């Protein structure tokens, strides 16, 4: 942990002030928004606000990673059935996804029953 503190301390001099201001604004918004109203989606408001501030104020903060410029590979078309040779492997995949989602649903219902006891209990035979 000492090495981490030293690494952070050595990088403070090269900090971009605009990026630091945006980061502090995001942290402040995410901390304050739930206190204003608990149903405010604080992460969405914080990131949206930082993005808007960066664009509107022309801040020199660079985003992490490349931003996509559009959906050039996306095309609208009618879905088609796969080739007959692919059906056996697709059936296995479909059954695996079905089994995993069924187990996840049952485990979630059981966890919710334990977390918040109410008069209603889910019936696992209905899943």
Foldseek 3Di string as FASTA:
>chain_A
DVVVVVVVVVCPVVDQVLVVVLVVQLVVQLVCVCVVPVPPPSNVCSVVVSVVCCVVVVGPDDDPDDDDPDPVVDDDDDDDDDDPVCVVVVVVVVVVVVVVVLVVVVVVLVVVCVVDPDPDHDDNVVD
